[in-house]
């Protein structure tokens, strides 16, 4: 997010930190970020310097069991990654990042992969 959206980013982080549940020991515990769904849309904003598009962040609700079943692989991957970060097992591979930066970011498409008709 750009600096014009800093206040919104702080509000979003605040919303995330307020998501708690009562643990087995009776104490409140923070829910993982991925347990809550948010709807992000863009809205036009303006001030005396001009106009731009900014984020509108709306809490939709908790991720329910159907969402977990529908997107179970991604949800489990998120839980695994979160555990690795909390346990200090997730490491940044700076060398790999430097190598990737020199490579093109757009995927290379072979001529055989392109359809002749535009779908819209």
PDB file of N, CA and C in Angstrom:
ATOM      1  N   UNK A   1       0.845  -1.180   0.000  1.00  0.00           N
ATOM      2  CA  UNK A   1       0.000   0.000   0.000  1.00  0.00           C
ATOM      3  C   UNK A   1       0.890   1.244   0.000  1.00  0.00           C
ATOM      4  N   UNK A   2       0.415   2.256  -0.656  1.00  0.00           N
ATOM      5  CA  UNK A   2       1.163   3.513  -0.701  1.00  0.00           C
ATOM      6  C   UNK A   2       0.900   4.326   0.565  1.00  0.00           C
ATOM      7  N   UNK A   3       1.628   5.417   0.721  1.00  0.00           N
ATOM      8  CA  UNK A   3       1.511   6.229   1.927  1.00  0.00           C
ATOM      9  C   UNK A   3       0.110   6.811   2.102  1.00  0.00           C
ATOM     10  N   UNK A   4      -0.605   7.024   1.005  1.00  0.00           N
ATOM     11  CA  UNK A   4      -1.972   7.552   1.120  1.00  0.00           C
ATOM     12  C   UNK A   4      -2.913   6.533   1.756  1.00  0.00           C
ATOM     13  N   UNK A   5      -2.498   5.289   1.798  1.00  0.00           N
ATOM     14  CA  UNK A   5      -3.341   4.224   2.346  1.00  0.00           C
ATOM     15  C   UNK A   5      -2.854   3.729   3.709  1.00  0.00           C
ATOM     16  N   UNK A   6      -1.885   4.425   4.302  1.00  0.00           N
ATOM     17  CA  UNK A   6      -1.299   3.992   5.573  1.00  0.00           C
ATOM     18  C   UNK A   6      -2.342   3.904   6.681  1.00  0.00           C
ATOM     19  N   UNK A   7      -3.205   4.885   6.776  1.00  0.00           N
ATOM     20  CA  UNK A   7      -4.239   4.873   7.811  1.00  0.00           C
ATOM     21  C   UNK A   7      -5.143   3.645   7.654  1.00  0.00           C
ATOM     22  N   UNK A   8      -5.455   3.295   6.414  1.00  0.00           N
ATOM     23  CA  UNK A   8      -6.303   2.125   6.170  1.00  0.00           C
ATOM     24  C   UNK A   8      -5.582   0.831   6.521  1.00  0.00           C
ATOM     25  N   UNK A   9      -4.291   0.763   6.231  1.00  0.00           N
ATOM     26  CA  UNK A   9      -3.511  -0.420   6.573  1.00  0.00           C
ATOM     27  C   UNK A   9      -3.469  -0.603   8.085  1.00  0.00           C
ATOM     28  N   UNK A  10      -3.305   0.481   8.813  1.00  0.00           N
ATOM     29  CA  UNK A  10      -3.292   0.399  10.280  1.00  0.00           C
ATOM     30  C   UNK A  10      -4.651  -0.053  10.812  1.00  0.00           C
ATOM     31  N   UNK A  11      -5.716   0.462  10.210  1.00  0.00           N
ATOM     32  CA  UNK A  11      -7.067   0.058  10.625  1.00  0.00           C
ATOM     33  C   UNK A  11      -7.285  -1.434  10.364  1.00  0.00           C
ATOM     34  N   UNK A  12      -6.805  -1.910   9.201  1.00  0.00           N
ATOM     35  CA  UNK A  12      -6.945  -3.323   8.860  1.00  0.00           C
ATOM     36  C   UNK A  12      -6.177  -4.183   9.853  1.00  0.00           C
ATOM     37  N   UNK A  13      -4.946  -3.791  10.176  1.00  0.00           N
ATOM     38  CA  UNK A  13      -4.168  -4.538  11.168  1.00  0.00           C
ATOM     39  C   UNK A  13      -4.859  -4.535  12.528  1.00  0.00           C
ATOM     40  N   UNK A  14      -5.483  -3.416  12.870  1.00  0.00           N
ATOM     41  CA  UNK A  14      -6.221  -3.333  14.123  1.00  0.00           C
ATOM     42  C   UNK A  14      -7.410  -4.289  14.120  1.00  0.00           C
ATOM     43  N   UNK A  15      -8.133  -4.327  12.997  1.00  0.00           N
ATOM     44  CA  UNK A  15      -9.255  -5.273  12.879  1.00  0.00           C
ATOM     45  C   UNK A  15      -8.779  -6.714  13.044  1.00  0.00           C
ATOM     46  N   UNK A  16      -7.639  -7.024  12.431  1.00  0.00           N
ATOM     47  CA  UNK A  16      -7.095  -8.382  12.521  1.00  0.00           C
ATOM     48  C   UNK A  16      -6.689  -8.728  13.948  1.00  0.00           C
ATOM     49  N   UNK A  17      -6.082  -7.787  14.650  1.00  0.00           N
ATOM     50  CA  UNK A  17      -5.610  -8.068  16.010  1.00  0.00           C
ATOM     51  C   UNK A  17      -6.758  -8.221  17.002  1.00  0.00           C
ATOM     52  N   UNK A  18      -7.932  -7.708  16.664  1.00  0.00           N
ATOM     53  CA  UNK A  18      -9.088  -7.808  17.550  1.00  0.00           C
ATOM     54  C   UNK A  18      -9.818  -9.144  17.412  1.00  0.00           C
ATOM     55  N   UNK A  19      -9.438  -9.954  16.434  1.00  0.00           N
ATOM     56  CA  UNK A  19     -10.100 -11.235  16.209  1.00  0.00           C
ATOM     57  C   UNK A  19      -9.548 -12.259  17.210  1.00  0.00           C
ATOM     58  N   UNK A  20     -10.335 -12.559  18.241  1.00  0.00           N
ATOM     59  CA  UNK A  20      -9.864 -13.471  19.292  1.00  0.00           C
ATOM     60  C   UNK A  20     -10.887 -14.571  19.554  1.00  0.00           C
ATOM     61  N   UNK A  21     -10.431 -15.578  20.261  1.00  0.00           N
ATOM     62  CA  UNK A  21     -11.298 -16.645  20.742  1.00  0.00           C
ATOM     63  C   UNK A  21     -10.808 -17.048  22.122  1.00  0.00           C
ATOM     64  N   UNK A  22     -11.655 -17.711  22.867  1.00  0.00           N
ATOM     65  CA  UNK A  22     -11.280 -18.153  24.207  1.00  0.00           C
ATOM     66  C   UNK A  22     -10.569 -19.498  24.095  1.00  0.00           C
ATOM     67  N   UNK A  23      -9.324 -19.558  24.534  1.00  0.00           N
ATOM     68  CA  UNK A  23      -8.540 -20.784  24.476  1.00  0.00           C
ATOM     69  C   UNK A  23      -8.978 -21.786  25.510  1.00  0.00           C
ATOM     70  N   UNK A  24      -8.398 -22.981  25.469  1.00  0.00           N
ATOM     71  CA  UNK A  24      -8.763 -24.042  26.414  1.00  0.00           C
ATOM     72  C   UNK A  24      -8.432 -23.660  27.851  1.00  0.00           C
ATOM     73  N   UNK A  25      -7.469 -22.732  28.017  1.00  0.00           N
ATOM     74  CA  UNK A  25      -7.121 -22.268  29.357  1.00  0.00           C
ATOM     75  C   UNK A  25      -8.006 -21.109  29.816  1.00  0.00           C
ATOM     76  N   UNK A  26      -8.974 -20.711  28.987  1.00  0.00           N
ATOM     77  CA  UNK A  26      -9.894 -19.646  29.326  1.00  0.00           C
ATOM     78  C   UNK A  26      -9.398 -18.255  28.975  1.00  0.00           C
ATOM     79  N   UNK A  27      -8.166 -18.149  28.513  1.00  0.00           N
ATOM     80  CA  UNK A  27      -7.600 -16.851  28.162  1.00  0.00           C
ATOM     81  C   UNK A  27      -7.870 -16.552  26.686  1.00  0.00           C
ATOM     82  N   UNK A  28      -8.055 -15.267  26.361  1.00  0.00           N
ATOM     83  CA  UNK A  28      -8.277 -14.922  24.953  1.00  0.00           C
ATOM     84  C   UNK A  28      -7.013 -15.131  24.124  1.00  0.00           C
ATOM     85  N   UNK A  29      -7.169 -15.664  22.936  1.00  0.00           N
ATOM     86  CA  UNK A  29      -6.059 -15.902  22.016  1.00  0.00           C
ATOM     87  C   UNK A  29      -6.413 -15.256  20.676  1.00  0.00           C
ATOM     88  N   UNK A  30      -5.387 -14.765  19.970  1.00  0.00           N
ATOM     89  CA  UNK A  30      -5.615 -14.158  18.657  1.00  0.00           C
ATOM     90  C   UNK A  30      -5.836 -15.228  17.603  1.00  0.00           C
ATOM     91  N   UNK A  31      -6.810 -15.000  16.753  1.00  0.00           N
ATOM     92  CA  UNK A  31      -7.054 -15.890  15.626  1.00  0.00           C
ATOM     93  C   UNK A  31      -6.009 -15.629  14.547  1.00  0.00           C
ATOM     94  N   UNK A  32      -5.648 -16.638  13.767  1.00  0.00           N
ATOM     95  CA  UNK A  32      -4.743 -16.392  12.648  1.00  0.00           C
ATOM     96  C   UNK A  32      -5.397 -15.451  11.639  1.00  0.00           C
ATOM     97  N   UNK A  33      -4.570 -14.675  10.927  1.00  0.00           N
ATOM     98  CA  UNK A  33      -5.086 -13.722   9.943  1.00  0.00           C
ATOM     99  C   UNK A  33      -5.971 -14.396   8.913  1.00  0.00           C
ATOM    100  N   UNK A  34      -5.626 -15.635   8.560  1.00  0.00           N
ATOM    101  CA  UNK A  34      -6.355 -16.319   7.491  1.00  0.00           C
ATOM    102  C   UNK A  34      -7.709 -16.844   7.940  1.00  0.00           C
ATOM    103  N   UNK A  35      -8.088 -16.613   9.201  1.00  0.00           N
ATOM    104  CA  UNK A  35      -9.368 -17.122   9.682  1.00  0.00           C
ATOM    105  C   UNK A  35     -10.520 -16.149   9.433  1.00  0.00           C
ATOM    106  N   UNK A  36     -10.206 -14.962   8.943  1.00  0.00           N
ATOM    107  CA  UNK A  36     -11.231 -13.955   8.699  1.00  0.00           C
ATOM    108  C   UNK A  36     -11.212 -13.532   7.232  1.00  0.00           C
ATOM    109  N   UNK A  37     -12.408 -13.417   6.649  1.00  0.00           N
ATOM    110  CA  UNK A  37     -12.517 -12.982   5.256  1.00  0.00           C
ATOM    111  C   UNK A  37     -12.763 -11.481   5.212  1.00  0.00           C
ATOM    112  N   UNK A  38     -12.090 -10.838   4.268  1.00  0.00           N
ATOM    113  CA  UNK A  38     -12.267  -9.410   4.045  1.00  0.00           C
ATOM    114  C   UNK A  38     -12.569  -9.188   2.570  1.00  0.00           C
ATOM    115  N   UNK A  39     -13.348  -8.164   2.292  1.00  0.00           N
ATOM    116  CA  UNK A  39     -13.635  -7.775   0.916  1.00  0.00           C
ATOM    117  C   UNK A  39     -12.886  -6.476   0.662  1.00  0.00           C
ATOM    118  N   UNK A  40     -12.000  -6.476  -0.324  1.00  0.00           N
ATOM    119  CA  UNK A  40     -11.241  -5.289  -0.694  1.00  0.00           C
ATOM    120  C   UNK A  40     -11.742  -4.779  -2.030  1.00  0.00           C
ATOM    121  N   UNK A  41     -12.142  -3.534  -2.033  1.00  0.00           N
ATOM    122  CA  UNK A  41     -12.571  -2.886  -3.264  1.00  0.00           C
ATOM    123  C   UNK A  41     -11.839  -1.550  -3.380  1.00  0.00           C
ATOM    124  N   UNK A  42     -11.833  -0.994  -4.566  1.00  0.00           N
ATOM    125  CA  UNK A  42     -11.204   0.309  -4.750  1.00  0.00           C
ATOM    126  C   UNK A  42     -12.270   1.385  -4.791  1.00  0.00           C
ATOM    127  N   UNK A  43     -11.910   2.534  -4.228  1.00  0.00           N
ATOM    128  CA  UNK A  43     -12.807   3.680  -4.233  1.00  0.00           C
ATOM    129  C   UNK A  43     -12.004   4.906  -4.662  1.00  0.00           C
ATOM    130  N   UNK A  44     -12.690   5.835  -5.286  1.00  0.00           N
ATOM    131  CA  UNK A  44     -12.021   7.066  -5.704  1.00  0.00           C
ATOM    132  C   UNK A  44     -11.896   7.990  -4.499  1.00  0.00           C
ATOM    133  N   UNK A  45     -10.697   8.530  -4.324  1.00  0.00           N
ATOM    134  CA  UNK A  45     -10.440   9.472  -3.240  1.00  0.00           C
ATOM    135  C   UNK A  45      -9.867  10.744  -3.838  1.00  0.00           C
ATOM    136  N   UNK A  46      -9.995  11.835  -3.104  1.00  0.00           N
ATOM    137  CA  UNK A  46      -9.472  13.095  -3.619  1.00  0.00           C
ATOM    138  C   UNK A  46      -9.104  14.011  -2.467  1.00  0.00           C
ATOM    139  N   UNK A  47      -8.218  14.922  -2.762  1.00  0.00           N
ATOM    140  CA  UNK A  47      -7.885  16.030  -1.880  1.00  0.00           C
ATOM    141  C   UNK A  47      -7.463  17.207  -2.756  1.00  0.00           C
ATOM    142  N   UNK A  48      -6.877  18.250  -2.162  1.00  0.00           N
ATOM    143  CA  UNK A  48      -6.518  19.419  -2.955  1.00  0.00           C
ATOM    144  C   UNK A  48      -5.373  19.156  -3.925  1.00  0.00           C
ATOM    145  N   UNK A  49      -4.679  18.025  -3.772  1.00  0.00           N
ATOM    146  CA  UNK A  49      -3.571  17.686  -4.677  1.00  0.00           C
ATOM    147  C   UNK A  49      -4.003  16.816  -5.853  1.00  0.00           C
ATOM    148  N   UNK A  50      -5.215  16.284  -5.812  1.00  0.00           N
ATOM    149  CA  UNK A  50      -5.666  15.454  -6.921  1.00  0.00           C
ATOM    150  C   UNK A  50      -6.585  14.335  -6.495  1.00  0.00           C
ATOM    151  N   UNK A  51      -6.773  13.376  -7.413  1.00  0.00           N
ATOM    152  CA  UNK A  51      -7.623  12.220  -7.150  1.00  0.00           C
ATOM    153  C   UNK A  51      -6.816  10.950  -7.383  1.00  0.00           C
ATOM    154  N   UNK A  52      -7.218   9.888  -6.728  1.00  0.00           N
ATOM    155  CA  UNK A  52      -6.565   8.591  -6.855  1.00  0.00           C
ATOM    156  C   UNK A  52      -7.548   7.522  -6.392  1.00  0.00           C
ATOM    157  N   UNK A  53      -7.188   6.288  -6.594  1.00  0.00           N
ATOM    158  CA  UNK A  53      -8.003   5.178  -6.118  1.00  0.00           C
ATOM    159  C   UNK A  53      -7.348   4.588  -4.882  1.00  0.00           C
ATOM    160  N   UNK A  54      -8.157   4.372  -3.873  1.00  0.00           N
ATOM    161  CA  UNK A  54      -7.678   3.795  -2.621  1.00  0.00           C
ATOM    162  C   UNK A  54      -8.471   2.549  -2.271  1.00  0.00           C
ATOM    163  N   UNK A  55      -8.101   1.934  -1.173  1.00  0.00           N
ATOM    164  CA  UNK A  55      -8.742   0.698  -0.744  1.00  0.00           C
ATOM    165  C   UNK A  55      -9.919   0.972   0.178  1.00  0.00           C
ATOM    166  N   UNK A  56     -10.956   0.172   0.029  1.00  0.00           N
ATOM    167  CA  UNK A  56     -12.048   0.101   0.984  1.00  0.00           C
ATOM    168  C   UNK A  56     -12.013  -1.317   1.531  1.00  0.00           C
ATOM    169  N   UNK A  57     -11.797  -1.459   2.826  1.00  0.00           N
ATOM    170  CA  UNK A  57     -11.611  -2.771   3.446  1.00  0.00           C
ATOM    171  C   UNK A  57     -12.814  -3.060   4.330  1.00  0.00           C
ATOM    172  N   UNK A  58     -13.494  -4.146   4.030  1.00  0.00           N
ATOM    173  CA  UNK A  58     -14.711  -4.508   4.753  1.00  0.00           C
ATOM    174  C   UNK A  58     -14.585  -5.940   5.278  1.00  0.00           C
ATOM    175  N   UNK A  59     -14.839  -6.115   6.562  1.00  0.00           N
ATOM    176  CA  UNK A  59     -14.820  -7.455   7.149  1.00  0.00           C
ATOM    177  C   UNK A  59     -16.075  -8.195   6.697  1.00  0.00           C
ATOM    178  N   UNK A  60     -15.884  -9.382   6.123  1.00  0.00           N
ATOM    179  CA  UNK A  60     -17.001 -10.190   5.648  1.00  0.00           C
ATOM    180  C   UNK A  60     -17.445 -11.158   6.737  1.00  0.00           C
ATOM    181  N   UNK A  61     -16.491 -11.761   7.425  1.00  0.00           N
ATOM    182  CA  UNK A  61     -16.819 -12.704   8.488  1.00  0.00           C
ATOM    183  C   UNK A  61     -15.754 -13.772   8.603  1.00  0.00           C
ATOM    184  N   UNK A  62     -16.054 -14.751   9.413  1.00  0.00           N
ATOM    185  CA  UNK A  62     -15.105 -15.840   9.652  1.00  0.00           C
ATOM    186  C   UNK A  62     -15.089 -16.809   8.474  1.00  0.00           C
ATOM    187  N   UNK A  63     -13.943 -17.421   8.273  1.00  0.00           N
ATOM    188  CA  UNK A  63     -13.847 -18.495   7.287  1.00  0.00           C
ATOM    189  C   UNK A  63     -14.622 -19.669   7.871  1.00  0.00           C
ATOM    190  N   UNK A  64     -15.602 -20.154   7.138  1.00  0.00           N
ATOM    191  CA  UNK A  64     -16.413 -21.247   7.653  1.00  0.00           C
ATOM    192  C   UNK A  64     -15.919 -22.594   7.133  1.00  0.00           C
ATOM    193  N   UNK A  65     -16.538 -23.629   7.599  1.00  0.00           N
ATOM    194  CA  UNK A  65     -16.114 -24.983   7.235  1.00  0.00           C
ATOM    195  C   UNK A  65     -16.202 -25.228   5.736  1.00  0.00           C
ATOM    196  N   UNK A  66     -17.203 -24.651   5.075  1.00  0.00           N
ATOM    197  CA  UNK A  66     -17.346 -24.839   3.633  1.00  0.00           C
ATOM    198  C   UNK A  66     -16.159 -24.233   2.899  1.00  0.00           C
ATOM    199  N   UNK A  67     -15.729 -23.041   3.343  1.00  0.00           N
ATOM    200  CA  UNK A  67     -14.554 -22.418   2.728  1.00  0.00           C
ATOM    201  C   UNK A  67     -13.325 -23.301   2.901  1.00  0.00           C
ATOM    202  N   UNK A  68     -13.177 -23.874   4.086  1.00  0.00           N
ATOM    203  CA  UNK A  68     -12.015 -24.731   4.348  1.00  0.00           C
ATOM    204  C   UNK A  68     -12.041 -25.962   3.450  1.00  0.00           C
ATOM    205  N   UNK A  69     -13.243 -26.520   3.246  1.00  0.00           N
ATOM    206  CA  UNK A  69     -13.353 -27.702   2.396  1.00  0.00           C
ATOM    207  C   UNK A  69     -13.121 -27.353   0.934  1.00  0.00           C
ATOM    208  N   UNK A  70     -13.657 -26.229   0.492  1.00  0.00           N
ATOM    209  CA  UNK A  70     -13.531 -25.812  -0.893  1.00  0.00           C
ATOM    210  C   UNK A  70     -12.089 -25.496  -1.246  1.00  0.00           C
ATOM    211  N   UNK A  71     -11.403 -24.849  -0.334  1.00  0.00           N
ATOM    212  CA  UNK A  71     -10.038 -24.405  -0.594  1.00  0.00           C
ATOM    213  C   UNK A  71      -9.090 -25.019   0.426  1.00  0.00           C
ATOM    214  N   UNK A  72      -9.308 -26.282   0.757  1.00  0.00           N
ATOM    215  CA  UNK A  72      -8.594 -26.932   1.844  1.00  0.00           C
ATOM    216  C   UNK A  72      -7.081 -26.934   1.639  1.00  0.00           C
ATOM    217  N   UNK A  73      -6.605 -27.186   0.426  1.00  0.00           N
ATOM    218  CA  UNK A  73      -5.158 -27.227   0.199  1.00  0.00           C
ATOM    219  C   UNK A  73      -4.510 -25.891   0.539  1.00  0.00           C
ATOM    220  N   UNK A  74      -5.128 -24.798   0.092  1.00  0.00           N
ATOM    221  CA  UNK A  74      -4.567 -23.480   0.354  1.00  0.00           C
ATOM    222  C   UNK A  74      -4.631 -23.157   1.848  1.00  0.00           C
ATOM    223  N   UNK A  75      -5.737 -23.518   2.502  1.00  0.00           N
ATOM    224  CA  UNK A  75      -5.890 -23.259   3.929  1.00  0.00           C
ATOM    225  C   UNK A  75      -4.831 -24.024   4.717  1.00  0.00           C
ATOM    226  N   UNK A  76      -4.642 -25.295   4.391  1.00  0.00           N
ATOM    227  CA  UNK A  76      -3.630 -26.103   5.083  1.00  0.00           C
ATOM    228  C   UNK A  76      -2.225 -25.560   4.828  1.00  0.00           C
ATOM    229  N   UNK A  77      -1.973 -25.113   3.600  1.00  0.00           N
ATOM    230  CA  UNK A  77      -0.675 -24.534   3.273  1.00  0.00           C
ATOM    231  C   UNK A  77      -0.437 -23.276   4.118  1.00  0.00           C
ATOM    232  N   UNK A  78      -1.472 -22.483   4.301  1.00  0.00           N
ATOM    233  CA  UNK A  78      -1.367 -21.294   5.136  1.00  0.00           C
ATOM    234  C   UNK A  78      -1.067 -21.637   6.586  1.00  0.00           C
ATOM    235  N   UNK A  79      -1.739 -22.666   7.113  1.00  0.00           N
ATOM    236  CA  UNK A  79      -1.478 -23.099   8.484  1.00  0.00           C
ATOM    237  C   UNK A  79      -0.056 -23.614   8.645  1.00  0.00           C
ATOM    238  N   UNK A  80       0.416 -24.373   7.663  1.00  0.00           N
ATOM    239  CA  UNK A  80       1.784 -24.908   7.715  1.00  0.00           C
ATOM    240  C   UNK A  80       2.800 -23.773   7.679  1.00  0.00           C
ATOM    241  N   UNK A  81       2.579 -22.793   6.799  1.00  0.00           N
ATOM    242  CA  UNK A  81       3.496 -21.663   6.710  1.00  0.00           C
ATOM    243  C   UNK A  81       3.494 -20.862   8.004  1.00  0.00           C
ATOM    244  N   UNK A  82       2.311 -20.641   8.570  1.00  0.00           N
ATOM    245  CA  UNK A  82       2.227 -19.897   9.822  1.00  0.00           C
ATOM    246  C   UNK A  82       3.019 -20.609  10.923  1.00  0.00           C
ATOM    247  N   UNK A  83       2.874 -21.922  11.027  1.00  0.00           N
ATOM    248  CA  UNK A  83       3.624 -22.684  12.026  1.00  0.00           C
ATOM    249  C   UNK A  83       5.122 -22.560  11.811  1.00  0.00           C
ATOM    250  N   UNK A  84       5.559 -22.626  10.551  1.00  0.00           N
ATOM    251  CA  UNK A  84       6.987 -22.509  10.248  1.00  0.00           C
ATOM    252  C   UNK A  84       7.521 -21.136  10.654  1.00  0.00           C
ATOM    253  N   UNK A  85       6.743 -20.086  10.424  1.00  0.00           N
ATOM    254  CA  UNK A  85       7.171 -18.734  10.803  1.00  0.00           C
ATOM    255  C   UNK A  85       7.248 -18.621  12.318  1.00  0.00           C
ATOM    256  N   UNK A  86       6.216 -19.085  13.022  1.00  0.00           N
ATOM    257  CA  UNK A  86       6.194 -18.992  14.477  1.00  0.00           C
ATOM    258  C   UNK A  86       7.309 -19.803  15.132  1.00  0.00           C
ATOM    259  N   UNK A  87       7.682 -20.918  14.523  1.00  0.00           N
ATOM    260  CA  UNK A  87       8.750 -21.759  15.077  1.00  0.00           C
ATOM    261  C   UNK A  87      10.138 -21.322  14.613  1.00  0.00           C
ATOM    262  N   UNK A  88      10.191 -20.302  13.753  1.00  0.00           N
ATOM    263  CA  UNK A  88      11.483 -19.811  13.275  1.00  0.00           C
ATOM    264  C   UNK A  88      12.103 -20.690  12.200  1.00  0.00           C
ATOM    265  N   UNK A  89      11.312 -21.556  11.597  1.00  0.00           N
ATOM    266  CA  UNK A  89      11.821 -22.466  10.566  1.00  0.00           C
ATOM    267  C   UNK A  89      11.784 -21.851   9.168  1.00  0.00           C
ATOM    268  N   UNK A  90      10.983 -20.811   8.975  1.00  0.00           N
ATOM    269  CA  UNK A  90      10.894 -20.163   7.657  1.00  0.00           C
ATOM    270  C   UNK A  90      12.092 -19.233   7.504  1.00  0.00           C
ATOM    271  N   UNK A  91      12.867 -19.443   6.484  1.00  0.00           N
ATOM    272  CA  UNK A  91      14.070 -18.652   6.237  1.00  0.00           C
ATOM    273  C   UNK A  91      13.984 -18.005   4.864  1.00  0.00           C
ATOM    274  N   UNK A  92      14.421 -16.763   4.776  1.00  0.00           N
ATOM    275  CA  UNK A  92      14.474 -16.072   3.489  1.00  0.00           C
ATOM    276  C   UNK A  92      15.734 -16.515   2.770  1.00  0.00           C
ATOM    277  N   UNK A  93      15.592 -16.897   1.527  1.00  0.00           N
ATOM    278  CA  UNK A  93      16.743 -17.295   0.710  1.00  0.00           C
ATOM    279  C   UNK A  93      17.126 -16.104  -0.154  1.00  0.00           C
ATOM    280  N   UNK A  94      18.006 -15.251   0.391  1.00  0.00           N
ATOM    281  CA  UNK A  94      18.379 -14.018  -0.297  1.00  0.00           C
ATOM    282  C   UNK A  94      18.995 -14.293  -1.664  1.00  0.00           C
ATOM    283  N   UNK A  95      19.789 -15.341  -1.771  1.00  0.00           N
ATOM    284  CA  UNK A  95      20.411 -15.666  -3.054  1.00  0.00           C
ATOM    285  C   UNK A  95      19.357 -15.944  -4.112  1.00  0.00           C
ATOM    286  N   UNK A  96      18.345 -16.701  -3.753  1.00  0.00           N
ATOM    287  CA  UNK A  96      17.279 -17.035  -4.699  1.00  0.00           C
ATOM    288  C   UNK A  96      16.525 -15.778  -5.116  1.00  0.00           C
ATOM    289  N   UNK A  97      16.306 -14.856  -4.172  1.00  0.00           N
ATOM    290  CA  UNK A  97      15.614 -13.617  -4.505  1.00  0.00           C
ATOM    291  C   UNK A  97      16.426 -12.777  -5.477  1.00  0.00           C
ATOM    292  N   UNK A  98      17.737 -12.723  -5.281  1.00  0.00           N
ATOM    293  CA  UNK A  98      18.593 -11.957  -6.181  1.00  0.00           C
ATOM    294  C   UNK A  98      18.597 -12.568  -7.581  1.00  0.00           C
ATOM    295  N   UNK A  99      18.620 -13.900  -7.656  1.00  0.00           N
ATOM    296  CA  UNK A  99      18.599 -14.565  -8.959  1.00  0.00           C
ATOM    297  C   UNK A  99      17.270 -14.327  -9.652  1.00  0.00           C
ATOM    298  N   UNK A 100      16.167 -14.395  -8.891  1.00  0.00           N
ATOM    299  CA  UNK A 100      14.843 -14.200  -9.470  1.00  0.00           C
ATOM    300  C   UNK A 100      14.665 -12.779  -9.988  1.00  0.00           C
ATOM    301  N   UNK A 101      15.305 -11.812  -9.337  1.00  0.00           N
ATOM    302  CA  UNK A 101      15.157 -10.418  -9.750  1.00  0.00           C
ATOM    303  C   UNK A 101      15.740 -10.176 -11.132  1.00  0.00           C
ATOM    304  N   UNK A 102      16.721 -10.981 -11.526  1.00  0.00           N
ATOM    305  CA  UNK A 102      17.328 -10.789 -12.840  1.00  0.00           C
ATOM    306  C   UNK A 102      16.528 -11.451 -13.955  1.00  0.00           C
ATOM    307  N   UNK A 103      15.605 -12.330 -13.583  1.00  0.00           N
ATOM    308  CA  UNK A 103      14.794 -13.030 -14.571  1.00  0.00           C
ATOM    309  C   UNK A 103      13.524 -12.226 -14.865  1.00  0.00           C
ATOM    310  N   UNK A 104      12.953 -12.388 -16.045  1.00  0.00           N
ATOM    311  CA  UNK A 104      11.712 -11.662 -16.353  1.00  0.00           C
ATOM    312  C   UNK A 104      10.594 -12.091 -15.412  1.00  0.00           C
ATOM    313  N   UNK A 105       9.724 -11.147 -15.061  1.00  0.00           N
ATOM    314  CA  UNK A 105       8.649 -11.456 -14.118  1.00  0.00           C
ATOM    315  C   UNK A 105       7.421 -12.040 -14.809  1.00  0.00           C
ATOM    316  N   UNK A 106       7.223 -11.740 -16.065  1.00  0.00           N
ATOM    317  CA  UNK A 106       6.057 -12.257 -16.777  1.00  0.00           C
ATOM    318  C   UNK A 106       6.339 -13.677 -17.256  1.00  0.00           C
ATOM    319  N   UNK A 107       5.373 -14.566 -17.152  1.00  0.00           N
ATOM    320  CA  UNK A 107       5.591 -15.926 -17.621  1.00  0.00           C
ATOM    321  C   UNK A 107       5.761 -15.955 -19.142  1.00  0.00           C
ATOM    322  N   UNK A 108       6.592 -16.853 -19.597  1.00  0.00           N
ATOM    323  CA  UNK A 108       6.808 -17.005 -21.025  1.00  0.00           C
ATOM    324  C   UNK A 108       5.718 -17.916 -21.579  1.00  0.00           C
ATOM    325  N   UNK A 109       5.084 -17.501 -22.658  1.00  0.00           N
ATOM    326  CA  UNK A 109       3.984 -18.256 -23.253  1.00  0.00           C
ATOM    327  C   UNK A 109       4.426 -18.757 -24.618  1.00  0.00           C
ATOM    328  N   UNK A 110       4.230 -20.024 -24.827  1.00  0.00           N
ATOM    329  CA  UNK A 110       4.539 -20.625 -26.115  1.00  0.00           C
ATOM    330  C   UNK A 110       3.390 -20.348 -27.074  1.00  0.00           C
ATOM    331  N   UNK A 111       3.694 -20.249 -28.358  1.00  0.00           N
ATOM    332  CA  UNK A 111       2.671 -19.962 -29.368  1.00  0.00           C
ATOM    333  C   UNK A 111       1.579 -21.022 -29.375  1.00  0.00           C
ATOM    334  N   UNK A 112       1.908 -22.275 -29.058  1.00  0.00           N
ATOM    335  CA  UNK A 112       0.919 -23.350 -29.050  1.00  0.00           C
ATOM    336  C   UNK A 112      -0.091 -23.196 -27.913  1.00  0.00           C
ATOM    337  N   UNK A 113       0.300 -22.441 -26.831  1.00  0.00           N
ATOM    338  CA  UNK A 113      -0.575 -22.272 -25.678  1.00  0.00           C
ATOM    339  C   UNK A 113      -1.631 -21.193 -25.883  1.00  0.00           C
ATOM    340  N   UNK A 114      -1.497 -20.372 -26.906  1.00  0.00           N
ATOM    341  CA  UNK A 114      -2.389 -19.237 -27.122  1.00  0.00           C
ATOM    342  C   UNK A 114      -3.581 -19.680 -27.975  1.00  0.00           C
ATOM    343  N   UNK A 115      -4.792 -19.352 -27.470  1.00  0.00           N
ATOM    344  CA  UNK A 115      -5.993 -19.688 -28.223  1.00  0.00           C
ATOM    345  C   UNK A 115      -6.215 -18.632 -29.310  1.00  0.00           C
ATOM    346  N   UNK A 116      -6.834 -19.044 -30.395  1.00  0.00           N
ATOM    347  CA  UNK A 116      -7.085 -18.129 -31.505  1.00  0.00           C
ATOM    348  C   UNK A 116      -8.203 -17.141 -31.205  1.00  0.00           C
ATOM    349  N   UNK A 117      -9.173 -17.523 -30.378  1.00  0.00           N
ATOM    350  CA  UNK A 117     -10.310 -16.670 -30.136  1.00  0.00           C
ATOM    351  C   UNK A 117     -10.206 -16.001 -28.770  1.00  0.00           C
ATOM    352  N   UNK A 118     -10.581 -14.752 -28.718  1.00  0.00           N
ATOM    353  CA  UNK A 118     -10.626 -14.030 -27.459  1.00  0.00           C
ATOM    354  C   UNK A 118     -11.900 -14.420 -26.734  1.00  0.00           C
ATOM    355  N   UNK A 119     -11.818 -14.744 -25.420  1.00  0.00           N
ATOM    356  CA  UNK A 119     -12.996 -15.263 -24.718  1.00  0.00           C
ATOM    357  C   UNK A 119     -14.030 -14.207 -24.345  1.00  0.00           C
ATOM    358  N   UNK A 120     -13.828 -12.953 -24.696  1.00  0.00           N
ATOM    359  CA  UNK A 120     -14.814 -11.933 -24.352  1.00  0.00           C
ATOM    360  C   UNK A 120     -15.130 -11.033 -25.504  1.00  0.00           C
TER     361      UNK A 120
END
